[in-house]
Amino acid sequence: MKKQILLFAFALTMTIGYAQKEKDVKLNKETNLIEATYYHDNGEVSQQGTFDLAGKLHGDWINYDETGQKVSEGSYNKGIRTGKWYFWADGKVKEVEFNNNVIASVVNKDATSGVVTKD
């Protein structure tokens, strides 16, 4: 019986520990925003950003791949993408300008040389 209780306690501890790795969410009382960090299965950060109290994405958001490399970064205003967003892939950076959640322009850049092309 003691072994079963010990095994159950160990399993519960591992489950709680693993669940904490999936996401961290806390209220920042100074900004009145909910700060969230989500994790990939391997423990690397997947996303970081903030929500308003209504649960809408609000403020800066950064997304990472499973190796910890940044894949996108931008801002939301009450759930709507705003301003410049950056997307990294295959040594290139796409700079996407959003206007009221709609793509207004796209600029492609080579991440190493800085050569610019427009879509």
PDB file of N, CA and C in Angstrom:
ATOM      1  N   MET A   1       0.818  -1.192   0.000  1.00  0.00           N
ATOM      2  CA  MET A   1       0.000   0.000   0.000  1.00  0.00           C
ATOM      3  C   MET A   1       0.864   1.259   0.000  1.00  0.00           C
ATOM      4  N   LYS A   2       1.943   1.252   0.814  1.00  0.00           N
ATOM      5  CA  LYS A   2       2.824   2.407   0.869  1.00  0.00           C
ATOM      6  C   LYS A   2       3.465   2.657  -0.487  1.00  0.00           C
ATOM      7  N   LYS A   3       3.815   1.577  -1.185  1.00  0.00           N
ATOM      8  CA  LYS A   3       4.421   1.726  -2.511  1.00  0.00           C
ATOM      9  C   LYS A   3       3.438   2.368  -3.480  1.00  0.00           C
ATOM     10  N   GLN A   4       2.166   1.979  -3.403  1.00  0.00           N
ATOM     11  CA  GLN A   4       1.153   2.546  -4.294  1.00  0.00           C
ATOM     12  C   GLN A   4       0.950   4.042  -4.008  1.00  0.00           C
ATOM     13  N   ILE A   5       0.914   4.394  -2.740  1.00  0.00           N
ATOM     14  CA  ILE A   5       0.752   5.803  -2.370  1.00  0.00           C
ATOM     15  C   ILE A   5       1.969   6.600  -2.829  1.00  0.00           C
ATOM     16  N   LEU A   6       3.169   6.054  -2.625  1.00  0.00           N
ATOM     17  CA  LEU A   6       4.387   6.720  -3.049  1.00  0.00           C
ATOM     18  C   LEU A   6       4.420   6.871  -4.568  1.00  0.00           C
ATOM     19  N   LEU A   7       4.018   5.819  -5.279  1.00  0.00           N
ATOM     20  CA  LEU A   7       3.976   5.868  -6.742  1.00  0.00           C
ATOM     21  C   LEU A   7       2.951   6.915  -7.208  1.00  0.00           C
ATOM     22  N   PHE A   8       1.780   6.947  -6.576  1.00  0.00           N
ATOM     23  CA  PHE A   8       0.757   7.936  -6.909  1.00  0.00           C
ATOM     24  C   PHE A   8       1.272   9.359  -6.658  1.00  0.00           C
ATOM     25  N   ALA A   9       1.923   9.575  -5.512  1.00  0.00           N
ATOM     26  CA  ALA A   9       2.458  10.896  -5.181  1.00  0.00           C
ATOM     27  C   ALA A   9       3.518  11.314  -6.206  1.00  0.00           C
ATOM     28  N   PHE A  10       4.374  10.383  -6.598  1.00  0.00           N
ATOM     29  CA  PHE A  10       5.395  10.676  -7.599  1.00  0.00           C
ATOM     30  C   PHE A  10       4.754  11.039  -8.936  1.00  0.00           C
ATOM     31  N   ALA A  11       3.750  10.253  -9.355  1.00  0.00           N
ATOM     32  CA  ALA A  11       3.057  10.521 -10.621  1.00  0.00           C
ATOM     33  C   ALA A  11       2.369  11.877 -10.582  1.00  0.00           C
ATOM     34  N   LEU A  12       1.746  12.205  -9.466  1.00  0.00           N
ATOM     35  CA  LEU A  12       1.077  13.493  -9.324  1.00  0.00           C
ATOM     36  C   LEU A  12       2.086  14.640  -9.390  1.00  0.00           C
ATOM     37  N   THR A  13       3.219  14.466  -8.720  1.00  0.00           N
ATOM     38  CA  THR A  13       4.273  15.486  -8.751  1.00  0.00           C
ATOM     39  C   THR A  13       4.783  15.691 -10.166  1.00  0.00           C
ATOM     40  N   MET A  14       5.012  14.623 -10.907  1.00  0.00           N
ATOM     41  CA  MET A  14       5.495  14.729 -12.282  1.00  0.00           C
ATOM     42  C   MET A  14       4.454  15.400 -13.169  1.00  0.00           C
ATOM     43  N   THR A  15       3.182  15.076 -12.968  1.00  0.00           N
ATOM     44  CA  THR A  15       2.114  15.677 -13.756  1.00  0.00           C
ATOM     45  C   THR A  15       2.026  17.168 -13.488  1.00  0.00           C
ATOM     46  N   ILE A  16       2.069  17.565 -12.245  1.00  0.00           N
ATOM     47  CA  ILE A  16       2.012  18.983 -11.894  1.00  0.00           C
ATOM     48  C   ILE A  16       3.243  19.700 -12.425  1.00  0.00           C
ATOM     49  N   GLY A  17       4.405  19.099 -12.273  1.00  0.00           N
ATOM     50  CA  GLY A  17       5.633  19.702 -12.789  1.00  0.00           C
ATOM     51  C   GLY A  17       5.595  19.866 -14.287  1.00  0.00           C
ATOM     52  N   TYR A  18       5.088  18.867 -14.999  1.00  0.00           N
ATOM     53  CA  TYR A  18       4.997  18.950 -16.458  1.00  0.00           C
ATOM     54  C   TYR A  18       3.970  19.997 -16.863  1.00  0.00           C
ATOM     55  N   ALA A  19       2.853  20.059 -16.160  1.00  0.00           N
ATOM     56  CA  ALA A  19       1.809  21.028 -16.487  1.00  0.00           C
ATOM     57  C   ALA A  19       2.336  22.449 -16.346  1.00  0.00           C
ATOM     58  N   GLN A  20       3.206  22.680 -15.384  1.00  0.00           N
ATOM     59  CA  GLN A  20       3.768  24.006 -15.211  1.00  0.00           C
ATOM     60  C   GLN A  20       4.676  24.371 -16.381  1.00  0.00           C
ATOM     61  N   LYS A  21       5.236  23.401 -17.076  1.00  0.00           N
ATOM     62  CA  LYS A  21       6.096  23.664 -18.221  1.00  0.00           C
ATOM     63  C   LYS A  21       5.284  24.038 -19.452  1.00  0.00           C
ATOM     64  N   GLU A  22       3.999  23.712 -19.503  1.00  0.00           N
ATOM     65  CA  GLU A  22       3.181  23.999 -20.673  1.00  0.00           C
ATOM     66  C   GLU A  22       2.891  25.483 -20.798  1.00  0.00           C
ATOM     67  N   LYS A  23       2.646  26.177 -19.669  1.00  0.00           N
ATOM     68  CA  LYS A  23       2.379  27.615 -19.723  1.00  0.00           C
ATOM     69  C   LYS A  23       2.540  28.234 -18.343  1.00  0.00           C
ATOM     70  N   ASP A  24       2.895  29.506 -18.357  1.00  0.00           N
ATOM     71  CA  ASP A  24       2.934  30.335 -17.154  1.00  0.00           C
ATOM     72  C   ASP A  24       2.063  31.546 -17.447  1.00  0.00           C
ATOM     73  N   VAL A  25       1.105  31.827 -16.585  1.00  0.00           N
ATOM     74  CA  VAL A  25       0.197  32.959 -16.784  1.00  0.00           C
ATOM     75  C   VAL A  25       0.074  33.705 -15.462  1.00  0.00           C
ATOM     76  N   LYS A  26       0.248  35.039 -15.535  1.00  0.00           N
ATOM     77  CA  LYS A  26       0.101  35.830 -14.303  1.00  0.00           C
ATOM     78  C   LYS A  26      -0.381  37.229 -14.648  1.00  0.00           C
ATOM     79  N   LEU A  27      -1.065  37.847 -13.721  1.00  0.00           N
ATOM     80  CA  LEU A  27      -1.563  39.211 -13.883  1.00  0.00           C
ATOM     81  C   LEU A  27      -0.490  40.187 -13.432  1.00  0.00           C
ATOM     82  N   ASN A  28      -0.157  41.140 -14.317  1.00  0.00           N
ATOM     83  CA  ASN A  28       0.740  42.229 -13.952  1.00  0.00           C
ATOM     84  C   ASN A  28      -0.146  43.366 -13.449  1.00  0.00           C
ATOM     85  N   LYS A  29      -0.113  43.617 -12.156  1.00  0.00           N
ATOM     86  CA  LYS A  29      -1.006  44.615 -11.554  1.00  0.00           C
ATOM     87  C   LYS A  29      -0.660  46.037 -11.977  1.00  0.00           C
ATOM     88  N   GLU A  30       0.598  46.279 -12.384  1.00  0.00           N
ATOM     89  CA  GLU A  30       0.986  47.622 -12.830  1.00  0.00           C
ATOM     90  C   GLU A  30       0.403  47.951 -14.202  1.00  0.00           C
ATOM     91  N   THR A  31       0.441  46.973 -15.131  1.00  0.00           N
ATOM     92  CA  THR A  31      -0.057  47.210 -16.490  1.00  0.00           C
ATOM     93  C   THR A  31      -1.498  46.760 -16.665  1.00  0.00           C
ATOM     94  N   ASN A  32      -2.009  45.970 -15.702  1.00  0.00           N
ATOM     95  CA  ASN A  32      -3.345  45.395 -15.781  1.00  0.00           C
ATOM     96  C   ASN A  32      -3.494  44.473 -16.990  1.00  0.00           C
ATOM     97  N   LEU A  33      -2.385  43.822 -17.355  1.00  0.00           N
ATOM     98  CA  LEU A  33      -2.378  42.847 -18.443  1.00  0.00           C
ATOM     99  C   LEU A  33      -1.986  41.482 -17.902  1.00  0.00           C
ATOM    100  N   ILE A  34      -2.484  40.455 -18.566  1.00  0.00           N
ATOM    101  CA  ILE A  34      -2.134  39.088 -18.198  1.00  0.00           C
ATOM    102  C   ILE A  34      -0.924  38.686 -19.026  1.00  0.00           C
ATOM    103  N   GLU A  35       0.182  38.388 -18.367  1.00  0.00           N
ATOM    104  CA  GLU A  35       1.409  37.986 -19.035  1.00  0.00           C
ATOM    105  C   GLU A  35       1.404  36.471 -19.179  1.00  0.00           C
ATOM    106  N   ALA A  36       1.662  36.006 -20.403  1.00  0.00           N
ATOM    107  CA  ALA A  36       1.606  34.569 -20.666  1.00  0.00           C
ATOM    108  C   ALA A  36       2.874  34.098 -21.365  1.00  0.00           C
ATOM    109  N   THR A  37       3.353  32.935 -20.954  1.00  0.00           N
ATOM    110  CA  THR A  37       4.461  32.259 -21.618  1.00  0.00           C
ATOM    111  C   THR A  37       4.025  30.817 -21.840  1.00  0.00           C
ATOM    112  N   TYR A  38       4.111  30.368 -23.089  1.00  0.00           N
ATOM    113  CA  TYR A  38       3.768  29.000 -23.449  1.00  0.00           C
ATOM    114  C   TYR A  38       5.027  28.263 -23.854  1.00  0.00           C
ATOM    115  N   TYR A  39       5.050  26.944 -23.645  1.00  0.00           N
ATOM    116  CA  TYR A  39       6.247  26.151 -23.890  1.00  0.00           C
ATOM    117  C   TYR A  39       5.988  25.023 -24.882  1.00  0.00           C
ATOM    118  N   HIS A  40       7.023  24.699 -25.669  1.00  0.00           N
ATOM    119  CA  HIS A  40       6.992  23.506 -26.514  1.00  0.00           C
ATOM    120  C   HIS A  40       7.130  22.284 -25.614  1.00  0.00           C
ATOM    121  N   ASP A  41       6.853  21.105 -26.148  1.00  0.00           N
ATOM    122  CA  ASP A  41       6.980  19.866 -25.377  1.00  0.00           C
ATOM    123  C   ASP A  41       8.392  19.652 -24.841  1.00  0.00           C
ATOM    124  N   ASN A  42       9.407  20.193 -25.547  1.00  0.00           N
ATOM    125  CA  ASN A  42      10.793  20.006 -25.108  1.00  0.00           C
ATOM    126  C   ASN A  42      11.216  21.009 -24.038  1.00  0.00           C
ATOM    127  N   GLY A  43      10.308  21.900 -23.610  1.00  0.00           N
ATOM    128  CA  GLY A  43      10.611  22.858 -22.558  1.00  0.00           C
ATOM    129  C   GLY A  43      11.034  24.225 -23.060  1.00  0.00           C
ATOM    130  N   GLU A  44      11.341  24.350 -24.350  1.00  0.00           N
ATOM    131  CA  GLU A  44      11.706  25.654 -24.915  1.00  0.00           C
ATOM    132  C   GLU A  44      10.463  26.547 -24.981  1.00  0.00           C
ATOM    133  N   VAL A  45      10.672  27.852 -24.841  1.00  0.00           N
ATOM    134  CA  VAL A  45       9.562  28.799 -24.923  1.00  0.00           C
ATOM    135  C   VAL A  45       8.976  28.765 -26.327  1.00  0.00           C
ATOM    136  N   SER A  46       7.661  28.712 -26.431  1.00  0.00           N
ATOM    137  CA  SER A  46       6.939  28.706 -27.696  1.00  0.00           C
ATOM    138  C   SER A  46       6.423  30.111 -28.030  1.00  0.00           C
ATOM    139  N   GLN A  47       5.786  30.760 -27.059  1.00  0.00           N
ATOM    140  CA  GLN A  47       5.204  32.095 -27.251  1.00  0.00           C
ATOM    141  C   GLN A  47       5.282  32.886 -25.956  1.00  0.00           C
ATOM    142  N   GLN A  48       5.425  34.205 -26.104  1.00  0.00           N
ATOM    143  CA  GLN A  48       5.356  35.110 -24.962  1.00  0.00           C
ATOM    144  C   GLN A  48       4.553  36.329 -25.370  1.00  0.00           C
ATOM    145  N   GLY A  49       3.678  36.767 -24.486  1.00  0.00           N
ATOM    146  CA  GLY A  49       2.905  37.956 -24.788  1.00  0.00           C
ATOM    147  C   GLY A  49       1.921  38.267 -23.690  1.00  0.00           C
ATOM    148  N   THR A  50       1.019  39.198 -23.995  1.00  0.00           N
ATOM    149  CA  THR A  50       0.060  39.636 -22.985  1.00  0.00           C
ATOM    150  C   THR A  50      -1.361  39.662 -23.545  1.00  0.00           C
ATOM    151  N   PHE A  51      -2.307  39.514 -22.633  1.00  0.00           N
ATOM    152  CA  PHE A  51      -3.736  39.602 -22.911  1.00  0.00           C
ATOM    153  C   PHE A  51      -4.302  40.743 -22.087  1.00  0.00           C
ATOM    154  N   ASP A  52      -5.388  41.358 -22.564  1.00  0.00           N
ATOM    155  CA  ASP A  52      -6.097  42.306 -21.710  1.00  0.00           C
ATOM    156  C   ASP A  52      -7.033  41.507 -20.797  1.00  0.00           C
ATOM    157  N   LEU A  53      -7.703  42.174 -19.910  1.00  0.00           N
ATOM    158  CA  LEU A  53      -8.562  41.472 -18.953  1.00  0.00           C
ATOM    159  C   LEU A  53      -9.789  40.846 -19.603  1.00  0.00           C
ATOM    160  N   ALA A  54     -10.114  41.256 -20.833  1.00  0.00           N
ATOM    161  CA  ALA A  54     -11.217  40.639 -21.579  1.00  0.00           C
ATOM    162  C   ALA A  54     -10.753  39.361 -22.283  1.00  0.00           C
ATOM    163  N   GLY A  55      -9.452  39.029 -22.178  1.00  0.00           N
ATOM    164  CA  GLY A  55      -8.922  37.819 -22.786  1.00  0.00           C
ATOM    165  C   GLY A  55      -8.454  37.994 -24.223  1.00  0.00           C
ATOM    166  N   LYS A  56      -8.389  39.244 -24.693  1.00  0.00           N
ATOM    167  CA  LYS A  56      -7.928  39.498 -26.062  1.00  0.00           C
ATOM    168  C   LYS A  56      -6.427  39.735 -26.069  1.00  0.00           C
ATOM    169  N   LEU A  57      -5.754  39.243 -27.130  1.00  0.00           N
ATOM    170  CA  LEU A  57      -4.329  39.505 -27.284  1.00  0.00           C
ATOM    171  C   LEU A  57      -4.121  41.012 -27.312  1.00  0.00           C
ATOM    172  N   HIS A  58      -3.189  41.487 -26.504  1.00  0.00           N
ATOM    173  CA  HIS A  58      -2.978  42.933 -26.420  1.00  0.00           C
ATOM    174  C   HIS A  58      -1.522  43.184 -26.017  1.00  0.00           C
ATOM    175  N   GLY A  59      -0.794  43.889 -26.858  1.00  0.00           N
ATOM    176  CA  GLY A  59       0.612  44.162 -26.572  1.00  0.00           C
ATOM    177  C   GLY A  59       1.511  43.318 -27.455  1.00  0.00           C
ATOM    178  N   ASP A  60       2.780  43.255 -27.086  1.00  0.00           N
ATOM    179  CA  ASP A  60       3.785  42.554 -27.890  1.00  0.00           C
ATOM    180  C   ASP A  60       3.689  41.042 -27.730  1.00  0.00           C
ATOM    181  N   TRP A  61       3.876  40.335 -28.850  1.00  0.00           N
ATOM    182  CA  TRP A  61       3.904  38.872 -28.852  1.00  0.00           C
ATOM    183  C   TRP A  61       5.123  38.410 -29.626  1.00  0.00           C
ATOM    184  N   ILE A  62       5.784  37.387 -29.099  1.00  0.00           N
ATOM    185  CA  ILE A  62       6.936  36.779 -29.760  1.00  0.00           C
ATOM    186  C   ILE A  62       6.693  35.279 -29.812  1.00  0.00           C
ATOM    187  N   ASN A  63       6.964  34.673 -30.978  1.00  0.00           N
ATOM    188  CA  ASN A  63       6.837  33.230 -31.167  1.00  0.00           C
ATOM    189  C   ASN A  63       8.205  32.647 -31.485  1.00  0.00           C
ATOM    190  N   TYR A  64       8.476  31.444 -30.951  1.00  0.00           N
ATOM    191  CA  TYR A  64       9.752  30.771 -31.134  1.00  0.00           C
ATOM    192  C   TYR A  64       9.532  29.360 -31.665  1.00  0.00           C
ATOM    193  N   ASP A  65      10.519  28.849 -32.404  1.00  0.00           N
ATOM    194  CA  ASP A  65      10.439  27.450 -32.830  1.00  0.00           C
ATOM    195  C   ASP A  65      10.947  26.558 -31.694  1.00  0.00           C
ATOM    196  N   GLU A  66      10.978  25.252 -31.919  1.00  0.00           N
ATOM    197  CA  GLU A  66      11.346  24.310 -30.858  1.00  0.00           C
ATOM    198  C   GLU A  66      12.810  24.387 -30.454  1.00  0.00           C
ATOM    199  N   THR A  67      13.642  25.070 -31.250  1.00  0.00           N
ATOM    200  CA  THR A  67      15.052  25.230 -30.883  1.00  0.00           C
ATOM    201  C   THR A  67      15.306  26.546 -30.168  1.00  0.00           C
ATOM    202  N   GLY A  68      14.265  27.367 -29.991  1.00  0.00           N
ATOM    203  CA  GLY A  68      14.412  28.636 -29.307  1.00  0.00           C
ATOM    204  C   GLY A  68      14.677  29.816 -30.226  1.00  0.00           C
ATOM    205  N   GLN A  69      14.652  29.583 -31.540  1.00  0.00           N
ATOM    206  CA  GLN A  69      14.861  30.665 -32.497  1.00  0.00           C
ATOM    207  C   GLN A  69      13.558  31.432 -32.710  1.00  0.00           C
ATOM    208  N   LYS A  70      13.669  32.753 -32.765  1.00  0.00           N
ATOM    209  CA  LYS A  70      12.495  33.597 -32.967  1.00  0.00           C
ATOM    210  C   LYS A  70      11.952  33.397 -34.377  1.00  0.00           C
ATOM    211  N   VAL A  71      10.625  33.187 -34.499  1.00  0.00           N
ATOM    212  CA  VAL A  71       9.992  33.028 -35.813  1.00  0.00           C
ATOM    213  C   VAL A  71       9.048  34.177 -36.149  1.00  0.00           C
ATOM    214  N   SER A  72       8.523  34.866 -35.149  1.00  0.00           N
ATOM    215  CA  SER A  72       7.690  36.038 -35.434  1.00  0.00           C
ATOM    216  C   SER A  72       7.628  36.941 -34.215  1.00  0.00           C
ATOM    217  N   GLU A  73       7.373  38.223 -34.511  1.00  0.00           N
ATOM    218  CA  GLU A  73       7.260  39.215 -33.445  1.00  0.00           C
ATOM    219  C   GLU A  73       6.391  40.360 -33.943  1.00  0.00           C
ATOM    220  N   GLY A  74       5.482  40.801 -33.079  1.00  0.00           N
ATOM    221  CA  GLY A  74       4.606  41.911 -33.436  1.00  0.00           C
ATOM    222  C   GLY A  74       3.704  42.284 -32.284  1.00  0.00           C
ATOM    223  N   SER A  75       2.748  43.174 -32.570  1.00  0.00           N
ATOM    224  CA  SER A  75       1.870  43.686 -31.518  1.00  0.00           C
ATOM    225  C   SER A  75       0.396  43.530 -31.888  1.00  0.00           C
ATOM    226  N   TYR A  76      -0.395  43.373 -30.834  1.00  0.00           N
ATOM    227  CA  TYR A  76      -1.852  43.341 -30.949  1.00  0.00           C
ATOM    228  C   TYR A  76      -2.430  44.528 -30.189  1.00  0.00           C
ATOM    229  N   ASN A  77      -3.571  44.994 -30.644  1.00  0.00           N
ATOM    230  CA  ASN A  77      -4.339  45.996 -29.921  1.00  0.00           C
ATOM    231  C   ASN A  77      -5.761  45.460 -29.800  1.00  0.00           C
ATOM    232  N   LYS A  78      -6.100  44.955 -28.621  1.00  0.00           N
ATOM    233  CA  LYS A  78      -7.414  44.368 -28.353  1.00  0.00           C
ATOM    234  C   LYS A  78      -7.777  43.294 -29.377  1.00  0.00           C
ATOM    235  N   GLY A  79      -6.827  42.385 -29.640  1.00  0.00           N
ATOM    236  CA  GLY A  79      -7.061  41.254 -30.523  1.00  0.00           C
ATOM    237  C   GLY A  79      -6.785  41.505 -31.989  1.00  0.00           C
ATOM    238  N   ILE A  80      -6.387  42.710 -32.346  1.00  0.00           N
ATOM    239  CA  ILE A  80      -6.144  43.055 -33.752  1.00  0.00           C
ATOM    240  C   ILE A  80      -4.651  43.285 -33.968  1.00  0.00           C
ATOM    241  N   ARG A  81      -4.082  42.612 -35.000  1.00  0.00           N
ATOM    242  CA  ARG A  81      -2.676  42.840 -35.335  1.00  0.00           C
ATOM    243  C   ARG A  81      -2.501  44.273 -35.802  1.00  0.00           C
ATOM    244  N   THR A  82      -1.476  44.918 -35.268  1.00  0.00           N
ATOM    245  CA  THR A  82      -1.225  46.313 -35.624  1.00  0.00           C
ATOM    246  C   THR A  82       0.254  46.522 -35.916  1.00  0.00           C
ATOM    247  N   GLY A  83       0.538  47.523 -36.738  1.00  0.00           N
ATOM    248  CA  GLY A  83       1.918  47.925 -36.986  1.00  0.00           C
ATOM    249  C   GLY A  83       2.741  46.882 -37.711  1.00  0.00           C
ATOM    250  N   LYS A  84       4.050  46.953 -37.515  1.00  0.00           N
ATOM    251  CA  LYS A  84       4.973  46.056 -38.203  1.00  0.00           C
ATOM    252  C   LYS A  84       5.135  44.750 -37.437  1.00  0.00           C
ATOM    253  N   TRP A  85       5.040  43.675 -38.173  1.00  0.00           N
ATOM    254  CA  TRP A  85       5.318  42.341 -37.678  1.00  0.00           C
ATOM    255  C   TRP A  85       6.521  41.822 -38.439  1.00  0.00           C
ATOM    256  N   TYR A  86       7.308  40.978 -37.794  1.00  0.00           N
ATOM    257  CA  TYR A  86       8.482  40.389 -38.421  1.00  0.00           C
ATOM    258  C   TYR A  86       8.366  38.878 -38.362  1.00  0.00           C
ATOM    259  N   PHE A  87       8.678  38.232 -39.487  1.00  0.00           N
ATOM    260  CA  PHE A  87       8.635  36.778 -39.601  1.00  0.00           C
ATOM    261  C   PHE A  87       9.987  36.296 -40.128  1.00  0.00           C
ATOM    262  N   TRP A  88      10.630  35.376 -39.404  1.00  0.00           N
ATOM    263  CA  TRP A  88      11.930  34.852 -39.791  1.00  0.00           C
ATOM    264  C   TRP A  88      11.782  33.421 -40.288  1.00  0.00           C
ATOM    265  N   ALA A  89      12.428  33.130 -41.446  1.00  0.00           N
ATOM    266  CA  ALA A  89      12.440  31.757 -41.979  1.00  0.00           C
ATOM    267  C   ALA A  89      13.514  31.652 -43.053  1.00  0.00           C
ATOM    268  N   ASP A  90      14.265  30.577 -43.024  1.00  0.00           N
ATOM    269  CA  ASP A  90      15.252  30.269 -44.061  1.00  0.00           C
ATOM    270  C   ASP A  90      16.208  31.423 -44.339  1.00  0.00           C
ATOM    271  N   GLY A  91      16.693  32.096 -43.316  1.00  0.00           N
ATOM    272  CA  GLY A  91      17.647  33.178 -43.483  1.00  0.00           C
ATOM    273  C   GLY A  91      17.054  34.457 -44.032  1.00  0.00           C
ATOM    274  N   LYS A  92      15.746  34.542 -44.063  1.00  0.00           N
ATOM    275  CA  LYS A  92      15.063  35.732 -44.580  1.00  0.00           C
ATOM    276  C   LYS A  92      14.131  36.295 -43.513  1.00  0.00           C
ATOM    277  N   VAL A  93      13.866  37.590 -43.636  1.00  0.00           N
ATOM    278  CA  VAL A  93      12.945  38.269 -42.729  1.00  0.00           C
ATOM    279  C   VAL A  93      11.864  38.928 -43.570  1.00  0.00           C
ATOM    280  N   LYS A  94      10.621  38.661 -43.237  1.00  0.00           N
ATOM    281  CA  LYS A  94       9.499  39.373 -43.862  1.00  0.00           C
ATOM    282  C   LYS A  94       9.024  40.422 -42.869  1.00  0.00           C
ATOM    283  N   GLU A  95       8.989  41.662 -43.333  1.00  0.00           N
ATOM    284  CA  GLU A  95       8.458  42.759 -42.538  1.00  0.00           C
ATOM    285  C   GLU A  95       7.065  43.045 -43.075  1.00  0.00           C
ATOM    286  N   VAL A  96       6.053  42.740 -42.285  1.00  0.00           N
ATOM    287  CA  VAL A  96       4.666  42.862 -42.721  1.00  0.00           C
ATOM    288  C   VAL A  96       3.999  43.981 -41.932  1.00  0.00           C
ATOM    289  N   GLU A  97       3.461  44.942 -42.646  1.00  0.00           N
ATOM    290  CA  GLU A  97       2.741  46.053 -42.022  1.00  0.00           C
ATOM    291  C   GLU A  97       1.255  45.712 -41.994  1.00  0.00           C
ATOM    292  N   PHE A  98       0.663  45.765 -40.793  1.00  0.00           N
ATOM    293  CA  PHE A  98      -0.768  45.493 -40.638  1.00  0.00           C
ATOM    294  C   PHE A  98      -1.506  46.801 -40.380  1.00  0.00           C
ATOM    295  N   ASN A  99      -2.670  46.928 -41.001  1.00  0.00           N
ATOM    296  CA  ASN A  99      -3.553  48.061 -40.778  1.00  0.00           C
ATOM    297  C   ASN A  99      -4.930  47.482 -40.476  1.00  0.00           C
ATOM    298  N   ASN A 100      -5.371  47.576 -39.219  1.00  0.00           N
ATOM    299  CA  ASN A 100      -6.660  47.042 -38.791  1.00  0.00           C
ATOM    300  C   ASN A 100      -6.793  45.546 -39.115  1.00  0.00           C
ATOM    301  N   ASN A 101      -5.732  44.797 -38.808  1.00  0.00           N
ATOM    302  CA  ASN A 101      -5.689  43.343 -38.968  1.00  0.00           C
ATOM    303  C   ASN A 101      -5.575  42.882 -40.419  1.00  0.00           C
ATOM    304  N   VAL A 102      -5.340  43.808 -41.347  1.00  0.00           N
ATOM    305  CA  VAL A 102      -5.202  43.490 -42.767  1.00  0.00           C
ATOM    306  C   VAL A 102      -3.782  43.842 -43.197  1.00  0.00           C
ATOM    307  N   ILE A 103      -3.170  42.971 -44.025  1.00  0.00           N
ATOM    308  CA  ILE A 103      -1.819  43.236 -44.506  1.00  0.00           C
ATOM    309  C   ILE A 103      -1.833  44.439 -45.437  1.00  0.00           C
ATOM    310  N   ALA A 104      -1.054  45.458 -45.084  1.00  0.00           N
ATOM    311  CA  ALA A 104      -0.955  46.670 -45.899  1.00  0.00           C
ATOM    312  C   ALA A 104       0.253  46.614 -46.821  1.00  0.00           C
ATOM    313  N   SER A 105       1.361  45.998 -46.371  1.00  0.00           N
ATOM    314  CA  SER A 105       2.553  45.867 -47.204  1.00  0.00           C
ATOM    315  C   SER A 105       3.449  44.769 -46.671  1.00  0.00           C
ATOM    316  N   VAL A 106       4.307  44.248 -47.563  1.00  0.00           N
ATOM    317  CA  VAL A 106       5.266  43.216 -47.197  1.00  0.00           C
ATOM    318  C   VAL A 106       6.615  43.589 -47.794  1.00  0.00           C
ATOM    319  N   VAL A 107       7.646  43.546 -46.962  1.00  0.00           N
ATOM    320  CA  VAL A 107       9.014  43.776 -47.417  1.00  0.00           C
ATOM    321  C   VAL A 107       9.821  42.544 -47.042  1.00  0.00           C
ATOM    322  N   ASN A 108      10.508  41.955 -48.030  1.00  0.00           N
ATOM    323  CA  ASN A 108      11.367  40.793 -47.791  1.00  0.00           C
ATOM    324  C   ASN A 108      12.803  41.264 -47.645  1.00  0.00           C
ATOM    325  N   LYS A 109      13.495  40.736 -46.658  1.00  0.00           N
ATOM    326  CA  LYS A 109      14.894  41.080 -46.442  1.00  0.00           C
ATOM    327  C   LYS A 109      15.695  39.808 -46.258  1.00  0.00           C
ATOM    328  N   ASP A 110      16.905  39.803 -46.799  1.00  0.00           N
ATOM    329  CA  ASP A 110      17.838  38.724 -46.506  1.00  0.00           C
ATOM    330  C   ASP A 110      18.397  39.031 -45.122  1.00  0.00           C
ATOM    331  N   ALA A 111      18.333  38.088 -44.211  1.00  0.00           N
ATOM    332  CA  ALA A 111      18.714  38.338 -42.824  1.00  0.00           C
ATOM    333  C   ALA A 111      20.195  38.673 -42.675  1.00  0.00           C
ATOM    334  N   THR A 112      21.043  38.193 -43.583  1.00  0.00           N
ATOM    335  CA  THR A 112      22.475  38.449 -43.439  1.00  0.00           C
ATOM    336  C   THR A 112      22.945  39.643 -44.263  1.00  0.00           C
ATOM    337  N   SER A 113      22.456  39.785 -45.490  1.00  0.00           N
ATOM    338  CA  SER A 113      22.950  40.869 -46.347  1.00  0.00           C
ATOM    339  C   SER A 113      22.107  42.131 -46.258  1.00  0.00           C
ATOM    340  N   GLY A 114      20.851  41.999 -45.831  1.00  0.00           N
ATOM    341  CA  GLY A 114      19.972  43.149 -45.735  1.00  0.00           C
ATOM    342  C   GLY A 114      19.327  43.556 -47.065  1.00  0.00           C
ATOM    343  N   VAL A 115      19.523  42.744 -48.133  1.00  0.00           N
ATOM    344  CA  VAL A 115      18.925  43.046 -49.437  1.00  0.00           C
ATOM    345  C   VAL A 115      17.414  43.028 -49.292  1.00  0.00           C
ATOM    346  N   VAL A 116      16.758  44.069 -49.849  1.00  0.00           N
ATOM    347  CA  VAL A 116      15.316  44.252 -49.684  1.00  0.00           C
ATOM    348  C   VAL A 116      14.609  44.037 -51.016  1.00  0.00           C
ATOM    349  N   THR A 117      13.477  43.292 -50.959  1.00  0.00           N
ATOM    350  CA  THR A 117      12.557  43.172 -52.100  1.00  0.00           C
ATOM    351  C   THR A 117      11.153  43.355 -51.559  1.00  0.00           C
ATOM    352  N   LYS A 118      10.261  43.897 -52.374  1.00  0.00           N
ATOM    353  CA  LYS A 118       8.873  44.114 -51.938  1.00  0.00           C
ATOM    354  C   LYS A 118       7.941  43.156 -52.654  1.00  0.00           C
ATOM    355  N   ASP A 119       6.903  42.720 -51.936  1.00  0.00           N
ATOM    356  CA  ASP A 119       5.846  41.889 -52.523  1.00  0.00           C
ATOM    357  C   ASP A 119       4.686  42.771 -52.921  1.00  0.00           C
TER     358      ASP A 119
END
